[in-house]
Protein backbone atom coordinates (compact mmCIF):
# COMPACT_ATOMS: atom_id res chain seq x y z
CA UNK A 1 -9.58 8.17 -2.49
CA UNK A 2 -10.53 11.17 -0.36
CA UNK A 3 -8.62 11.89 2.72
CA UNK A 4 -11.01 14.54 4.09
CA UNK A 5 -12.61 12.13 6.66
CA UNK A 6 -9.09 11.38 8.07
CA UNK A 7 -8.16 14.81 8.21
CA UNK A 8 -11.34 15.76 9.77
CA UNK A 9 -11.04 12.96 12.39
CA UNK A 10 -7.61 14.14 13.37
CA UNK A 11 -8.62 17.77 13.59
CA UNK A 12 -11.57 16.69 15.77
CA UNK A 13 -9.17 15.15 18.27
CA UNK A 14 -7.20 18.25 18.48
CA UNK A 15 -10.29 20.13 19.22
CA UNK A 16 -11.25 17.78 21.89
CA UNK A 17 -7.85 18.18 23.55
CA UNK A 18 -8.39 21.97 23.36
CA UNK A 19 -12.05 21.45 24.69
CA UNK A 20 -10.71 19.67 27.70
CA UNK A 21 -8.08 22.20 28.41
CA UNK A 22 -5.57 19.41 27.94
CA UNK A 23 -3.35 20.13 24.94
CA UNK A 24 -0.30 19.01 26.90
CA UNK A 25 -2.02 15.61 27.02
CA UNK A 26 -1.56 15.19 23.28
CA UNK A 27 2.05 14.46 24.18
CA UNK A 28 1.47 12.21 26.91
CA UNK A 29 2.59 8.24 26.78
CA UNK A 30 -0.97 7.21 26.50
CA UNK A 31 -2.09 9.42 23.45
CA UNK A 32 1.33 8.74 21.92
CA UNK A 33 0.79 5.14 21.87
CA UNK A 34 -2.59 5.53 20.52
CA UNK A 35 -1.30 7.69 17.55
CA UNK A 36 1.45 5.13 16.95
CA UNK A 37 -1.13 2.32 16.87
CA UNK A 38 -3.32 4.47 14.64
CA UNK A 39 -0.60 5.09 12.19
CA UNK A 40 0.51 1.35 12.22
CA UNK A 41 -3.34 0.36 11.48
CA UNK A 42 -3.58 2.86 8.53
CA UNK A 43 -0.30 1.46 7.09
CA UNK A 44 -1.56 -1.95 7.29
CA UNK A 45 -4.77 -0.92 5.52
CA UNK A 46 -2.76 0.61 2.81
CA UNK A 47 -0.49 -2.58 2.33
CA UNK A 48 -3.67 -4.91 2.33
CA UNK A 49 -5.33 -2.72 -0.29
CA UNK A 50 -2.30 -2.79 -2.54
CA UNK A 51 -1.97 -6.50 -2.07
CA UNK A 52 -5.72 -6.86 -3.10
CA UNK A 53 -5.33 -4.62 -6.20
CA UNK A 54 -2.37 -6.49 -7.44
CA UNK A 55 -4.45 -9.87 -6.87
CA UNK A 56 -7.37 -8.57 -8.93
CA UNK A 57 -4.79 -8.02 -11.88
CA UNK A 58 -3.21 -11.39 -11.07
CA UNK A 59 -0.01 -9.61 -10.43
CA UNK A 60 2.95 -10.59 -8.36
CA UNK A 61 2.71 -8.11 -5.03
CA UNK A 62 6.42 -8.16 -4.51
CA UNK A 63 7.22 -7.38 -8.16
CA UNK A 64 4.66 -4.48 -8.23
CA UNK A 65 6.10 -3.26 -4.88
CA UNK A 66 9.40 -2.86 -6.54
CA UNK A 67 7.69 -1.06 -9.40
CA UNK A 68 6.16 1.48 -6.97
CA UNK A 69 9.63 1.97 -5.17
CA UNK A 70 11.06 2.95 -8.54
CA UNK A 71 8.08 5.25 -9.10
CA UNK A 72 8.75 6.96 -5.93
CA UNK A 73 12.42 7.16 -6.85
CA UNK A 74 11.44 8.71 -10.14
CA UNK A 75 8.96 11.19 -8.64
CA UNK A 76 11.83 12.18 -6.18
CA UNK A 77 14.07 12.72 -8.96
CA UNK A 78 11.92 15.08 -10.97
CA UNK A 79 12.18 17.81 -7.93
CA UNK A 80 8.49 18.37 -8.02
CA UNK A 81 8.09 17.64 -4.21
CA UNK A 82 11.11 20.01 -3.38
CA UNK A 83 9.42 22.66 -5.53
CA UNK A 84 6.29 22.29 -3.69
CA UNK A 85 7.96 22.46 -0.33
CA UNK A 86 9.74 25.69 -1.47
CA UNK A 87 6.24 27.09 -2.14
CA UNK A 88 4.82 26.10 1.03
CA UNK A 89 7.86 27.60 2.93
CA UNK A 90 7.76 31.01 1.09
CA UNK A 91 3.96 30.93 1.95
CA UNK A 92 4.46 30.29 5.62
CA UNK A 93 7.17 33.11 5.70
CA UNK A 94 4.86 35.59 3.82
CA UNK A 95 1.94 34.75 6.12
CA UNK A 96 4.03 35.29 9.14
CA UNK A 97 4.98 38.69 7.70
CA UNK A 98 1.60 39.63 7.21
CA UNK A 99 0.86 38.54 10.91
CA UNK A 100 4.02 40.68 12.22
CA UNK A 101 2.96 43.88 9.94
CA UNK A 102 -0.99 43.94 10.48
CA UNK A 103 -3.07 43.39 13.72
CA UNK A 104 -5.31 40.26 14.15
CA UNK A 105 -8.68 40.48 12.45
CA UNK A 106 -7.96 43.36 10.32
CA UNK A 107 -8.81 43.59 6.75
CA UNK A 108 -5.13 44.54 5.83
CA UNK A 109 -3.93 41.20 7.26
CA UNK A 110 -6.71 39.40 5.43
CA UNK A 111 -5.87 40.97 2.30
CA UNK A 112 -1.96 40.35 2.85
CA UNK A 113 -2.61 36.53 3.60
CA UNK A 114 -5.02 36.18 0.74
CA UNK A 115 -2.29 37.64 -1.80
CA UNK A 116 0.31 35.41 -0.24
CA UNK A 117 -1.88 32.55 -0.89
CA UNK A 118 -2.48 33.40 -4.62
CA UNK A 119 1.22 33.78 -5.11
CA UNK A 120 1.72 30.21 -3.40
CA UNK A 121 -1.02 28.87 -5.76
CA UNK A 122 0.94 30.33 -8.78
CA UNK A 123 4.18 28.89 -7.43
CA UNK A 124 2.71 25.38 -7.30
CA UNK A 125 1.16 25.93 -10.81
CA UNK A 126 4.39 26.63 -12.35
CA UNK A 127 5.96 23.81 -10.61
CA UNK A 128 3.41 21.39 -12.08
CA UNK A 129 3.92 22.83 -15.47
CA UNK A 130 7.78 22.67 -15.17
CA UNK A 131 7.82 19.03 -13.69
CA UNK A 132 4.52 17.65 -14.91
CA UNK A 133 5.98 15.97 -18.04
CA UNK A 134 8.63 14.23 -16.04
CA UNK A 135 6.05 13.07 -13.41
CA UNK A 136 3.82 11.61 -16.25
CA UNK A 137 6.73 9.77 -17.64
CA UNK A 138 7.31 8.19 -14.14
CA UNK A 139 3.62 7.06 -14.15
CA UNK A 140 3.95 5.58 -17.74
CA UNK A 141 7.10 3.82 -16.63
CA UNK A 142 5.32 2.43 -13.51
CA UNK A 143 2.35 1.11 -15.77
CA UNK A 144 4.96 -0.78 -18.05
CA UNK A 145 6.79 -2.24 -15.18
CA UNK A 146 3.59 -3.23 -13.20
CA UNK A 147 2.26 -5.06 -16.46
CA UNK A 148 5.39 -7.02 -16.56
CA UNK A 149 4.50 -8.60 -13.03
CA UNK A 150 1.36 -10.41 -14.34
CA UNK A 151 0.25 -12.66 -17.28
CA UNK A 152 0.54 -11.20 -20.71
CA UNK A 153 -3.29 -11.74 -21.30
CA UNK A 154 -5.35 -8.89 -19.65
CA UNK A 155 -7.88 -10.41 -16.99
CA UNK A 156 -11.60 -9.69 -17.68
CA UNK A 157 -12.31 -6.03 -17.34
CA UNK A 158 -15.58 -6.44 -15.64
CA UNK A 159 -14.17 -9.02 -13.03
CA UNK A 160 -11.11 -6.64 -12.36
CA UNK A 161 -13.33 -3.66 -11.81
CA UNK A 162 -15.66 -5.65 -9.33
CA UNK A 163 -12.45 -7.00 -7.56
CA UNK A 164 -11.02 -3.45 -7.16
CA UNK A 165 -14.32 -2.07 -5.97
CA UNK A 166 -14.51 -4.80 -3.31
CA UNK A 167 -10.82 -3.95 -2.55
CA UNK A 168 -11.69 -0.30 -2.07
CA UNK A 169 -14.67 -1.16 0.12
CA UNK A 170 -12.60 -3.02 2.39
CA UNK A 171 -9.98 -0.47 2.59
CA UNK A 172 -12.61 2.19 3.62
CA UNK A 173 -13.85 -0.09 6.21
CA UNK A 174 -10.36 -0.81 7.59
CA UNK A 175 -9.50 2.88 7.86
CA UNK A 176 -12.86 3.54 9.68
CA UNK A 177 -12.02 0.73 12.05
CA UNK A 178 -8.57 2.26 12.63
CA UNK A 179 -10.24 5.63 13.50
CA UNK A 180 -12.75 4.03 15.69
CA UNK A 181 -9.91 2.24 17.71
CA UNK A 182 -8.08 5.51 17.93
CA UNK A 183 -10.91 7.45 19.09
CA UNK A 184 -11.79 4.96 21.78
CA UNK A 185 -8.06 4.90 22.84
CA UNK A 186 -7.91 8.77 23.01
CA UNK A 187 -11.32 8.98 24.92
CA UNK A 188 -9.77 6.53 27.54
CA UNK A 189 -6.61 8.57 27.72
CA UNK A 190 -8.79 11.65 28.58
CA UNK A 191 -11.13 9.68 30.96
CA UNK A 192 -14.16 10.57 29.08
CA UNK A 193 -16.98 8.17 28.37
CA UNK A 194 -16.61 7.06 24.74
CA UNK A 195 -20.28 6.76 23.92
CA UNK A 196 -20.97 10.25 25.10
CA UNK A 197 -17.98 11.61 22.99
CA UNK A 198 -19.24 9.68 20.13
CA UNK A 199 -22.64 11.38 20.25
CA UNK A 200 -20.98 14.69 20.40
CA UNK A 201 -19.17 13.52 17.31
CA UNK A 202 -22.25 12.50 15.59
CA UNK A 203 -23.91 15.79 16.57
CA UNK A 204 -20.89 17.84 15.15
CA UNK A 205 -21.08 15.72 11.82
CA UNK A 206 -24.88 16.68 11.62
CA UNK A 207 -24.05 20.14 12.21
CA UNK A 208 -21.37 20.26 9.46
CA UNK A 209 -23.07 18.32 6.68
CA UNK A 210 -25.26 21.24 5.37
CA UNK A 211 -22.35 23.54 5.51
CA UNK A 212 -20.04 21.22 3.61
CA UNK A 213 -22.85 20.44 0.99
CA UNK A 214 -22.97 24.32 0.66
CA UNK A 215 -19.41 24.60 0.31
CA UNK A 216 -19.04 21.76 -2.14
CA UNK A 217 -21.52 23.42 -4.32
CA UNK A 218 -19.79 26.63 -4.22
CA UNK A 219 -16.51 25.14 -5.13
CA UNK A 220 -18.21 23.19 -7.90
CA UNK A 221 -19.58 26.41 -9.37
CA UNK A 222 -16.09 28.04 -9.02
CA UNK A 223 -14.51 25.14 -10.99
CA UNK A 224 -17.30 25.35 -13.69
CA UNK A 225 -16.61 28.90 -14.27
CA UNK A 226 -12.89 27.93 -14.49
CA UNK A 227 -13.53 25.25 -17.04
CA UNK A 228 -15.67 27.60 -18.97
CA UNK A 229 -13.15 30.62 -18.91
CA UNK A 230 -10.16 28.25 -20.11
CA UNK A 231 -12.36 26.83 -22.86
CA UNK A 232 -12.92 30.47 -24.03
CA UNK A 233 -9.08 31.20 -23.78
CA UNK A 234 -8.81 28.16 -26.06
CA UNK A 235 -11.26 29.47 -28.56
CA UNK A 236 -9.84 32.89 -28.68
CA UNK A 237 -6.14 32.33 -28.68
CA UNK A 238 -3.90 30.21 -30.77
CA UNK A 239 -2.63 26.97 -29.11
CA UNK A 240 0.64 27.13 -27.29
CA UNK A 241 0.61 31.06 -27.82
CA UNK A 242 1.76 33.23 -24.64
CA UNK A 243 -1.68 34.81 -24.71
CA UNK A 244 -3.45 31.75 -24.33
CA UNK A 245 -1.19 30.56 -21.39
CA UNK A 246 -1.66 33.88 -19.60
CA UNK A 247 -5.62 33.66 -20.20
CA UNK A 248 -5.59 30.31 -18.75
CA UNK A 249 -3.31 31.22 -15.76
CA UNK A 250 -5.63 34.04 -15.15
CA UNK A 251 -8.70 31.82 -14.99
CA UNK A 252 -6.96 29.44 -12.56
CA UNK A 253 -5.96 32.26 -10.28
CA UNK A 254 -9.52 33.52 -10.31
CA UNK A 255 -10.94 30.01 -9.62
CA UNK A 256 -8.43 29.78 -6.66
CA UNK A 257 -9.52 32.86 -5.26
CA UNK A 258 -13.22 31.94 -5.69
CA UNK A 259 -12.70 28.66 -3.62
CA UNK A 260 -10.66 30.38 -1.10
CA UNK A 261 -13.65 32.86 -0.66
CA UNK A 262 -16.03 29.98 -0.54
CA UNK A 263 -13.99 28.36 2.35
CA UNK A 264 -13.91 31.75 4.24
CA UNK A 265 -17.53 32.14 3.89
CA UNK A 266 -17.90 28.63 5.50
CA UNK A 267 -15.71 29.13 8.27
CA UNK A 268 -17.85 30.95 10.78
CA UNK A 269 -20.49 28.41 10.58
CA UNK A 270 -17.64 25.51 11.04
CA UNK A 271 -16.62 27.53 14.11
CA UNK A 272 -20.21 27.29 15.53
CA UNK A 273 -20.21 23.50 15.01
CA UNK A 274 -16.86 23.32 16.86
CA UNK A 275 -17.96 25.30 19.66
CA UNK A 276 -20.99 23.21 20.14
CA UNK A 277 -18.73 19.94 20.16
CA UNK A 278 -16.44 21.45 22.76
CA UNK A 279 -19.36 22.32 24.90
CA UNK A 280 -20.66 18.83 24.41
CA UNK A 281 -17.46 17.00 25.36
CA UNK A 282 -16.93 18.94 28.51
CA UNK A 283 -20.24 17.89 29.59
CA UNK A 284 -19.33 14.13 29.04
CA UNK A 285 -18.90 12.06 32.31
CA UNK A 286 -15.78 10.21 33.17
CA UNK A 287 -15.09 6.91 31.62
CA UNK A 288 -16.74 3.97 33.43
């Protein structure tokens, strides 16, 4: 499941506060209540989705929930999340050093931050290689545990697939309703007409769509080149050899830099859409 729309929705609301010159209002009791309701609503969607999926497989939900809890404990014990957190902390420190050492908007700062991001990517990649086998074992253990929560005979695969698809659609609708309720509540907190702000959001999405399509295409090209380069590494070097591992690592780093450049190329156009959204919101009348 993609989380892009949820992140985008949250980012839009932050932009909305900035547009209204009311960043402090983000911590107001009104908006805090709205955020709390939003989080509770999304948590309810997740719970309902998991219950529905378990029902599709004719599995006892409480039993599967226990399996999920064990899987989370297993993941935590691998140390991969701590490793990712360490990579992120190092990245943030390195980026701050870049900001301290180089003026804003300079090529030197951009190059410094780009290099820090590459190092962070390599750090995460190393963590995946180090802890990946243990993480896979956690997933295998979960599957074994979850199978024990249902009948010995596997349900009809076609019926299960259809049932899961319905559950996924309901999950998306549930999340969309949560976002809509959140946006209505926030617009009310800011005393802005919701219908007007919704039109601003729709215009913003129309502005962003061709940019996102181009970005998706550029990223897909980066990934296709990566896959081709990795296959060449496998064709040239012996499996498991240091040369093959280094060749694959180089291909992954180049793909990361390619994707990062694609996002940087798209950023100015996204900023234009944000600016138009801010201007649109500022022109919205007070809530009726």
